[in-house]
Amino acid sequence: SDLDLWRLYIPFGQWIVREKRNCRPSELFMIGFNGSPGAGKTVLTNALAVVLKHLLDGEVEGQAIARSGDDWYLGKSERELLRRHGYDPGLPGVSNRALPGTHDLEWLKGNLLEMERSTHRSAIRMGNFDKKADDQPTGADQYFEVRGKVGVFLFDLWFAGAETDVDPMRLPDGLQRRVAENLRTWQVVFDRMDALWGFNWPSFEQMLRERELQERLVEQRRGARGMSHEYIRAFMTYMIERTWD
């Protein structure tokens, strides 16, 4: 709404531009967004990217790009191999994506480096995961291509900035140990963030409701059935309750 535009998006965009000009005037400014599934992270970052298009000097500072960590998920066949290590929601047909260990982190780190070095002649091929197919796409949609200099990277990931002092080797072999191990490998990405914004986390039941609302919206837009209540609960239990303290 117009109210959101004036009360949230424009002031937030102005803050990002100020911070960039103070900290990284000629370099990539990266801002992370942490929040529960369905909180609205992607809506916020996409709106901010539009606002920043008008606030940044594109010629000198480059453009703002909003992407979700979800775009760099491993393909379905690669994730199938992770099921034996506990990456399994337990209900047939429910995706095992989401947790640390299910992303192509090397691809993401490579893209970060490319954004840092980008010029007006650059072309960067980023992940473009297809959630409906639960796989990395092939053909024309295989990549999300960014052309030109990138000055601001708005990165949303539900566990952005998360860390643990749990010693993975003290946990029994299984999902929690793997997640603790893989979370540590994300540290290099989190350390690169110049700022981190977090949504307040609701209760598990509230998260379920928000996730279901998201599915209904997808359903209306695509005209295809989204995940059932049973599937959403199984997925969220796997994602939140079985791995996080």
Protein backbone atom coordinates (compact mmCIF):
# COMPACT_ATOMS: atom_id res chain seq x y z
CA SER A 1 0.00 0.00 0.00
CA ASP A 2 0.97 3.70 -0.28
CA LEU A 3 1.26 3.84 3.50
CA ASP A 4 3.82 0.99 3.50
CA LEU A 5 5.71 2.78 0.75
CA TRP A 6 6.09 6.00 2.76
CA ARG A 7 6.39 4.52 6.24
CA LEU A 8 8.61 1.51 5.48
CA TYR A 9 10.07 1.04 2.00
CA ILE A 10 11.29 4.58 1.26
CA PRO A 11 12.88 5.23 4.71
CA PHE A 12 14.41 1.73 4.70
CA GLY A 13 15.76 2.31 1.19
CA GLN A 14 17.22 5.66 2.25
CA TRP A 15 18.89 4.01 5.24
CA ILE A 16 20.47 1.35 2.98
CA VAL A 17 21.82 4.02 0.59
CA ARG A 18 23.29 6.01 3.52
CA GLU A 19 24.93 2.90 4.97
CA LYS A 20 26.33 1.89 1.59
CA ARG A 21 27.78 5.36 0.98
CA ASN A 22 29.36 5.34 4.44
CA CYS A 23 30.72 1.78 4.48
CA ARG A 24 31.18 0.65 0.88
CA PRO A 25 30.79 3.57 -1.52
CA SER A 26 32.34 1.81 -4.51
CA GLU A 27 31.93 -1.80 -3.34
CA LEU A 28 29.11 -4.29 -2.90
CA PHE A 29 26.89 -3.58 0.13
CA MET A 30 25.22 -6.80 1.32
CA ILE A 31 22.25 -6.87 3.67
CA GLY A 32 20.74 -10.06 5.09
CA PHE A 33 17.10 -10.64 6.09
CA ASN A 34 16.26 -13.34 8.65
CA GLY A 35 12.71 -14.49 9.38
CA SER A 36 10.38 -17.44 9.63
CA PRO A 37 8.85 -19.06 6.51
CA GLY A 38 5.94 -16.94 5.31
CA ALA A 39 7.06 -13.84 7.24
CA GLY A 40 7.31 -11.72 4.08
CA LYS A 41 11.10 -11.54 3.58
CA THR A 42 10.95 -11.89 -0.20
CA VAL A 43 8.11 -9.35 -0.56
CA LEU A 44 10.14 -6.85 1.48
CA THR A 45 13.43 -7.35 -0.39
CA ASN A 46 11.78 -7.17 -3.83
CA ALA A 47 9.99 -3.92 -2.90
CA LEU A 48 13.24 -2.47 -1.55
CA ALA A 49 15.06 -3.35 -4.80
CA VAL A 50 12.46 -1.29 -6.73
CA VAL A 51 12.84 1.67 -4.35
CA LEU A 52 16.65 1.46 -4.51
CA LYS A 53 16.52 1.62 -8.30
CA HIS A 54 15.37 5.23 -7.87
CA LEU A 55 17.68 6.11 -4.98
CA LEU A 56 21.02 4.73 -6.18
CA ASP A 57 23.17 6.35 -8.82
CA GLY A 58 23.15 3.38 -11.20
CA GLU A 59 26.07 4.65 -13.25
CA VAL A 60 28.42 5.03 -10.29
CA GLU A 61 26.96 2.82 -7.54
CA GLY A 62 25.37 0.02 -9.55
CA GLN A 63 22.00 -1.66 -9.15
CA ALA A 64 20.25 -3.39 -6.25
CA ILE A 65 19.53 -7.12 -6.59
CA ALA A 66 17.11 -9.02 -4.32
CA ARG A 67 17.52 -12.80 -4.17
CA SER A 68 16.55 -15.53 -1.74
CA GLY A 69 18.93 -18.20 -0.46
CA ASP A 70 16.28 -20.63 -1.74
CA ASP A 71 17.47 -19.96 -5.29
CA TRP A 72 20.70 -21.85 -4.61
CA TYR A 73 19.17 -25.14 -3.42
CA LEU A 74 20.85 -28.30 -4.63
CA GLY A 75 18.96 -30.16 -7.34
CA LYS A 76 16.53 -32.93 -6.39
CA SER A 77 18.87 -35.82 -7.27
CA GLU A 78 21.72 -34.35 -5.17
CA ARG A 79 19.39 -33.84 -2.22
CA GLU A 80 18.12 -37.42 -2.49
CA LEU A 81 21.61 -38.56 -1.45
CA LEU A 82 21.24 -36.55 1.78
CA ARG A 83 18.23 -38.56 3.01
CA ARG A 84 20.52 -41.25 4.48
CA HIS A 85 22.06 -38.54 6.70
CA GLY A 86 18.70 -37.61 8.20
CA TYR A 87 17.57 -35.02 5.65
CA ASP A 88 14.17 -36.67 5.34
CA PRO A 89 10.81 -35.19 6.46
CA GLY A 90 9.42 -38.73 6.71
CA LEU A 91 6.32 -38.20 4.58
CA PRO A 92 6.54 -39.33 0.92
CA GLY A 93 6.45 -36.42 -1.52
CA VAL A 94 7.55 -33.77 0.99
CA SER A 95 10.67 -31.87 -0.10
CA ASN A 96 13.83 -32.22 1.99
CA ARG A 97 15.13 -28.75 1.07
CA ALA A 98 15.45 -25.77 3.47
CA LEU A 99 18.11 -26.77 6.01
CA PRO A 100 21.82 -25.90 5.99
CA GLY A 101 23.39 -28.63 3.87
CA THR A 102 20.73 -28.51 1.13
CA HIS A 103 22.19 -25.51 -0.72
CA ASP A 104 24.87 -25.22 -3.39
CA LEU A 105 27.00 -22.98 -1.21
CA GLU A 106 29.96 -22.93 -3.60
CA TRP A 107 27.74 -21.52 -6.36
CA LEU A 108 26.43 -18.83 -4.00
CA LYS A 109 29.95 -17.90 -2.84
CA GLY A 110 31.07 -17.74 -6.48
CA ASN A 111 28.18 -15.39 -7.30
CA LEU A 112 29.07 -13.18 -4.33
CA LEU A 113 32.60 -12.84 -5.65
CA GLU A 114 31.24 -12.03 -9.13
CA MET A 115 28.99 -9.31 -7.67
CA GLU A 116 31.93 -7.83 -5.77
CA ARG A 117 33.96 -7.66 -9.00
CA SER A 118 31.05 -6.66 -11.26
CA THR A 119 31.27 -3.88 -13.84
CA HIS A 120 28.82 -2.46 -16.36
CA ARG A 121 29.84 -5.23 -18.76
CA SER A 122 29.29 -8.11 -16.30
CA ALA A 123 26.83 -10.98 -16.72
CA ILE A 124 26.29 -13.15 -13.63
CA ARG A 125 24.41 -16.45 -13.71
CA MET A 126 22.68 -16.99 -10.37
CA GLY A 127 20.57 -19.84 -9.06
CA ASN A 128 16.90 -19.81 -10.05
CA PHE A 129 15.38 -22.74 -8.12
CA ASP A 130 11.90 -23.90 -9.17
CA LYS A 131 9.95 -24.70 -5.99
CA LYS A 132 7.03 -26.16 -7.90
CA ALA A 133 9.27 -28.75 -9.56
CA ASP A 134 11.45 -28.88 -6.39
CA ASP A 135 14.51 -28.79 -8.63
CA GLN A 136 17.01 -26.52 -10.35
CA PRO A 137 15.45 -25.74 -13.75
CA THR A 138 16.94 -26.53 -17.14
CA GLY A 139 16.50 -24.75 -20.45
CA ALA A 140 15.73 -21.03 -20.68
CA ASP A 141 15.02 -20.68 -16.94
CA GLN A 142 18.22 -22.38 -15.83
CA TYR A 143 19.74 -19.17 -14.46
CA PHE A 144 18.69 -15.83 -13.10
CA GLU A 145 21.01 -13.61 -15.12
CA VAL A 146 22.15 -10.27 -13.75
CA ARG A 147 23.76 -7.86 -16.20
CA GLY A 148 25.80 -4.86 -15.10
CA LYS A 149 27.33 -3.60 -11.88
CA VAL A 150 25.74 -4.71 -8.60
CA GLY A 151 26.01 -2.21 -5.75
CA VAL A 152 23.52 -3.61 -3.23
CA PHE A 153 22.64 -7.26 -2.61
CA LEU A 154 19.46 -7.87 -0.60
CA PHE A 155 19.72 -11.48 0.57
CA ASP A 156 16.88 -13.23 2.36
CA LEU A 157 17.37 -16.57 4.08
CA TRP A 158 15.31 -17.88 6.98
CA PHE A 159 18.45 -18.73 9.02
CA ALA A 160 20.55 -15.74 7.87
CA GLY A 161 23.14 -14.90 10.51
CA ALA A 162 22.40 -17.99 12.62
CA GLU A 163 25.31 -19.53 14.48
CA THR A 164 25.86 -22.31 16.97
CA ASP A 165 28.41 -23.09 19.66
CA VAL A 166 27.23 -26.71 19.68
CA ASP A 167 30.11 -29.09 18.93
CA PRO A 168 28.70 -31.24 16.09
CA MET A 169 30.91 -34.17 17.11
CA ARG A 170 29.14 -34.34 20.49
CA LEU A 171 25.82 -34.98 18.78
CA PRO A 172 24.78 -38.44 17.60
CA ASP A 173 25.17 -38.96 13.85
CA GLY A 174 22.03 -37.69 12.17
CA LEU A 175 20.18 -34.57 11.13
CA GLN A 176 21.09 -32.25 14.02
CA ARG A 177 24.78 -33.01 13.69
CA ARG A 178 24.73 -32.45 9.93
CA VAL A 179 22.87 -29.15 10.30
CA ALA A 180 25.33 -27.94 12.98
CA GLU A 181 28.27 -28.89 10.73
CA ASN A 182 26.78 -27.23 7.65
CA LEU A 183 25.72 -24.11 9.52
CA ARG A 184 29.40 -23.44 10.21
CA THR A 185 30.18 -23.47 6.50
CA TRP A 186 27.69 -20.60 6.04
CA GLN A 187 29.73 -18.36 8.34
CA VAL A 188 31.83 -16.97 5.48
CA VAL A 189 28.63 -15.75 3.77
CA PHE A 190 27.21 -14.31 7.00
CA ASP A 191 30.51 -12.57 7.77
CA ARG A 192 30.26 -10.78 4.42
CA MET A 193 26.91 -9.20 5.35
CA ASP A 194 27.24 -5.50 6.18
CA ALA A 195 23.87 -5.49 7.96
CA LEU A 196 21.31 -8.03 9.16
CA TRP A 197 17.61 -7.38 9.67
CA GLY A 198 15.37 -9.85 11.45
CA PHE A 199 11.62 -10.38 11.62
CA ASN A 200 10.19 -11.34 15.01
CA TRP A 201 9.68 -15.10 15.06
CA PRO A 202 6.11 -16.22 15.86
CA SER A 203 5.01 -19.46 17.51
CA PHE A 204 5.21 -22.68 15.51
CA GLU A 205 1.40 -22.73 15.02
CA GLN A 206 1.46 -19.14 13.75
CA MET A 207 4.26 -20.08 11.34
CA LEU A 208 2.12 -22.92 10.01
CA ARG A 209 -0.78 -20.52 9.41
CA GLU A 210 1.48 -18.03 7.59
CA ARG A 211 2.97 -20.81 5.45
CA GLU A 212 -0.51 -22.07 4.56
CA LEU A 213 -1.61 -18.57 3.60
CA GLN A 214 1.45 -18.38 1.32
CA GLU A 215 0.41 -21.67 -0.35
CA ARG A 216 -3.12 -20.37 -0.92
CA LEU A 217 -1.71 -17.25 -2.62
CA VAL A 218 0.51 -19.39 -4.86
CA GLU A 219 -2.54 -21.53 -5.62
CA GLN A 220 -4.60 -18.49 -6.66
CA ARG A 221 -1.81 -17.13 -8.85
CA ARG A 222 -0.90 -20.39 -10.56
CA GLY A 223 -4.27 -22.08 -10.48
CA ALA A 224 -2.55 -25.22 -9.18
CA ARG A 225 -2.99 -26.94 -5.84
CA GLY A 226 -0.31 -26.03 -3.31
CA MET A 227 0.93 -28.17 -0.43
CA SER A 228 -1.77 -29.75 1.75
CA HIS A 229 -2.03 -28.98 5.48
CA GLU A 230 -0.49 -32.39 6.25
CA TYR A 231 2.46 -31.75 3.92
CA ILE A 232 3.07 -28.26 5.31
CA ARG A 233 3.08 -29.57 8.89
CA ALA A 234 5.50 -32.38 7.99
CA PHE A 235 7.80 -29.96 6.15
CA MET A 236 7.77 -27.35 8.93
CA THR A 237 8.32 -29.96 11.64
CA TYR A 238 11.36 -31.23 9.73
CA MET A 239 12.60 -27.70 9.08
CA ILE A 240 12.07 -26.11 12.49
CA GLU A 241 11.25 -28.57 15.27
CA ARG A 242 13.60 -31.43 14.45
CA THR A 243 16.73 -29.34 13.98
CA TRP A 244 16.60 -26.07 15.90
CA ASP A 245 16.80 -25.41 19.62
